[in-house]
Amino acid sequence: MLFVAAAALTLISGAAIAQTASINVLEVFNGDTLSVAIQRETLSVRLYGIDAPESGQHGNVAATRFLKRLIRDQVLRLQRQRTDQSERFMVIIIREGKESSVNAAMVANGYAWVNPQQCIEDVCVEWQQLESQARALKLGIWSGYDLVPPWDFDARQRQ
């Protein structure tokens, strides 16, 4: 599935890719992982600091659909935070003209957890407050799913 989204990519901390490049979102794998094309290169990127339900986990389909709706027909700016253990860029996605990041919107609407082991930037405190509000309002995945954080779900799947 090809999402055509004209975007600018701002990579922080010196990547081999140009500082600004047009990208296309090629595929949304789940609520926190996407494939993007940058200067004829395909990269897998993951939303920094958050964790959406994994494939096979309750809420995965809803979180994936919500992410697709958030980025569809948007001009995006990606900020690279770091690289994860799978060599994927960990990014914050900003939609042009929108106040909050896609990462924050996923959490605020109840489609992702803030990952306490990975989210270490100042913005994570705000995201944790958004998660608490979404839980209290029973938004998204908090509306009735039998929830297990994705990092625990992954650990159980490996056993």
Protein backbone atom coordinates (compact mmCIF):
# COMPACT_ATOMS: atom_id res chain seq x y z
CA MET A 1 0.00 0.00 0.00
CA LEU A 2 1.54 3.31 -1.05
CA PHE A 3 0.78 6.45 0.91
CA VAL A 4 1.92 9.42 -1.09
CA ALA A 5 2.95 12.01 1.45
CA ALA A 6 5.29 14.74 0.35
CA ALA A 7 7.62 15.28 3.25
CA ALA A 8 10.84 16.76 4.44
CA LEU A 9 13.20 14.61 6.46
CA THR A 10 15.29 16.30 9.09
CA LEU A 11 17.84 13.89 10.48
CA ILE A 12 19.48 14.86 13.72
CA SER A 13 22.87 13.52 14.86
CA GLY A 14 24.56 13.21 11.49
CA ALA A 15 23.19 10.48 9.25
CA ALA A 16 24.58 9.53 5.87
CA ILE A 17 21.32 10.69 4.30
CA ALA A 18 20.90 14.29 3.19
CA GLN A 19 19.49 16.63 5.83
CA THR A 20 16.32 17.29 3.82
CA ALA A 21 14.75 14.91 1.34
CA SER A 22 11.36 14.18 -0.15
CA ILE A 23 9.89 10.95 1.13
CA ASN A 24 6.97 8.68 0.45
CA VAL A 25 5.46 6.50 3.13
CA LEU A 26 5.44 3.11 1.42
CA GLU A 27 3.78 1.04 4.09
CA VAL A 28 2.51 1.20 7.65
CA PHE A 29 3.44 -2.10 9.29
CA ASN A 30 1.71 -1.42 12.60
CA GLY A 31 0.93 1.49 14.89
CA ASP A 32 4.58 2.45 15.36
CA THR A 33 6.58 1.17 12.37
CA LEU A 34 6.61 2.43 8.79
CA SER A 35 8.57 1.94 5.58
CA VAL A 36 9.61 5.13 3.81
CA ALA A 37 11.42 5.93 0.58
CA ILE A 38 14.14 8.55 0.88
CA GLN A 39 16.31 9.46 -2.10
CA ARG A 40 15.75 6.09 -3.82
CA GLU A 41 16.46 4.22 -0.60
CA THR A 42 13.86 2.35 1.44
CA LEU A 43 14.13 2.58 5.20
CA SER A 44 12.17 1.12 8.06
CA VAL A 45 11.47 3.77 10.72
CA ARG A 46 9.90 3.44 14.13
CA LEU A 47 8.07 6.10 16.09
CA TYR A 48 10.37 7.20 18.89
CA GLY A 49 9.39 6.61 22.51
CA ILE A 50 6.07 4.91 21.94
CA ASP A 51 4.95 1.33 21.53
CA ALA A 52 1.71 0.34 19.79
CA PRO A 53 0.14 -3.13 20.01
CA GLU A 54 2.08 -5.77 18.09
CA SER A 55 0.80 -8.01 15.31
CA GLY A 56 -1.44 -10.62 16.92
CA GLN A 57 -2.08 -8.42 19.93
CA HIS A 58 -5.46 -6.86 20.81
CA GLY A 59 -5.66 -3.31 19.44
CA ASN A 60 -3.07 -3.80 16.68
CA VAL A 61 -5.49 -3.33 13.79
CA ALA A 62 -7.09 -0.25 15.35
CA ALA A 63 -3.70 1.37 16.09
CA THR A 64 -2.44 0.64 12.57
CA ARG A 65 -5.57 2.16 11.01
CA PHE A 66 -5.30 5.23 13.21
CA LEU A 67 -1.67 5.82 12.22
CA LYS A 68 -2.60 5.53 8.53
CA ARG A 69 -5.33 8.15 9.00
CA LEU A 70 -2.94 10.50 10.83
CA ILE A 71 -0.37 10.56 8.03
CA ARG A 72 -2.59 10.28 4.95
CA ASP A 73 -2.26 13.31 2.65
CA GLN A 74 0.00 15.12 5.12
CA VAL A 75 3.26 16.95 4.62
CA LEU A 76 5.56 15.35 7.17
CA ARG A 77 8.81 16.27 8.85
CA LEU A 78 10.74 13.48 10.55
CA GLN A 79 13.22 14.12 13.34
CA ARG A 80 15.65 11.29 13.96
CA GLN A 81 16.27 10.63 17.63
CA ARG A 82 18.46 7.51 17.48
CA THR A 83 18.76 4.05 15.92
CA ASP A 84 17.23 1.00 17.62
CA GLN A 85 18.71 -2.48 18.04
CA SER A 86 17.20 -3.49 14.66
CA GLU A 87 19.03 -0.61 12.91
CA ARG A 88 15.76 1.28 12.34
CA PHE A 89 15.69 5.03 12.71
CA MET A 90 13.69 6.08 15.77
CA VAL A 91 11.83 9.22 14.67
CA ILE A 92 9.38 11.85 15.79
CA ILE A 93 6.99 12.65 12.95
CA ILE A 94 5.61 16.17 12.72
CA ARG A 95 2.65 16.94 10.44
CA GLU A 96 3.03 20.36 8.87
CA GLY A 97 0.54 22.81 10.35
CA LYS A 98 -0.29 20.55 13.32
CA GLU A 99 0.60 21.40 16.88
CA SER A 100 1.48 17.91 18.12
CA SER A 101 3.62 15.13 16.70
CA VAL A 102 2.19 11.92 15.29
CA ASN A 103 3.86 10.16 18.22
CA ALA A 104 1.95 12.35 20.70
CA ALA A 105 -1.30 11.93 18.75
CA MET A 106 -0.99 8.13 18.87
CA VAL A 107 -0.61 8.28 22.66
CA ALA A 108 -3.21 11.02 23.25
CA ASN A 109 -5.85 9.12 21.27
CA GLY A 110 -5.15 5.89 23.11
CA TYR A 111 -3.39 3.87 20.42
CA ALA A 112 0.08 3.54 21.98
CA TRP A 113 1.95 3.35 25.26
CA VAL A 114 4.88 5.56 26.15
CA ASN A 115 7.74 3.07 26.41
CA PRO A 116 9.50 3.81 29.73
CA GLN A 117 12.70 2.03 28.68
CA GLN A 118 13.07 3.99 25.43
CA CYS A 119 11.43 7.38 25.93
CA ILE A 120 14.08 9.50 27.64
CA GLU A 121 13.74 12.94 26.03
CA ASP A 122 12.02 15.86 27.80
CA VAL A 123 8.91 15.46 25.62
CA CYS A 124 8.30 12.03 27.18
CA VAL A 125 6.93 13.61 30.38
CA GLU A 126 4.21 15.31 28.32
CA TRP A 127 3.49 12.06 26.47
CA GLN A 128 3.13 10.18 29.77
CA GLN A 129 0.51 12.74 30.84
CA LEU A 130 -1.30 12.24 27.51
CA GLU A 131 -1.28 8.47 28.09
CA SER A 132 -2.76 8.91 31.58
CA GLN A 133 -5.52 11.11 30.15
CA ALA A 134 -6.30 8.61 27.35
CA ARG A 135 -6.49 5.79 29.90
CA ALA A 136 -8.81 7.80 32.16
CA LEU A 137 -11.08 8.64 29.20
CA LYS A 138 -10.92 5.02 27.93
CA LEU A 139 -9.83 6.11 24.45
CA GLY A 140 -8.61 3.75 21.72
CA ILE A 141 -7.05 0.60 23.12
CA TRP A 142 -7.98 1.67 26.65
CA SER A 143 -11.68 1.25 25.80
CA GLY A 144 -11.91 -2.39 26.75
CA TYR A 145 -9.11 -4.51 25.36
CA ASP A 146 -7.31 -7.01 27.59
CA LEU A 147 -4.06 -5.08 27.50
CA VAL A 148 -0.50 -6.21 27.86
CA PRO A 149 2.25 -3.68 27.06
CA PRO A 150 3.95 -4.62 23.76
CA TRP A 151 7.35 -5.12 25.42
CA ASP A 152 5.76 -7.74 27.74
CA PHE A 153 3.80 -9.27 24.84
CA ASP A 154 7.04 -9.67 22.84
CA ALA A 155 8.80 -11.28 25.81
CA ARG A 156 5.96 -13.79 26.23
CA GLN A 157 6.00 -14.63 22.51
CA ARG A 158 9.73 -15.43 22.68
CA GLN A 159 9.28 -17.88 25.59
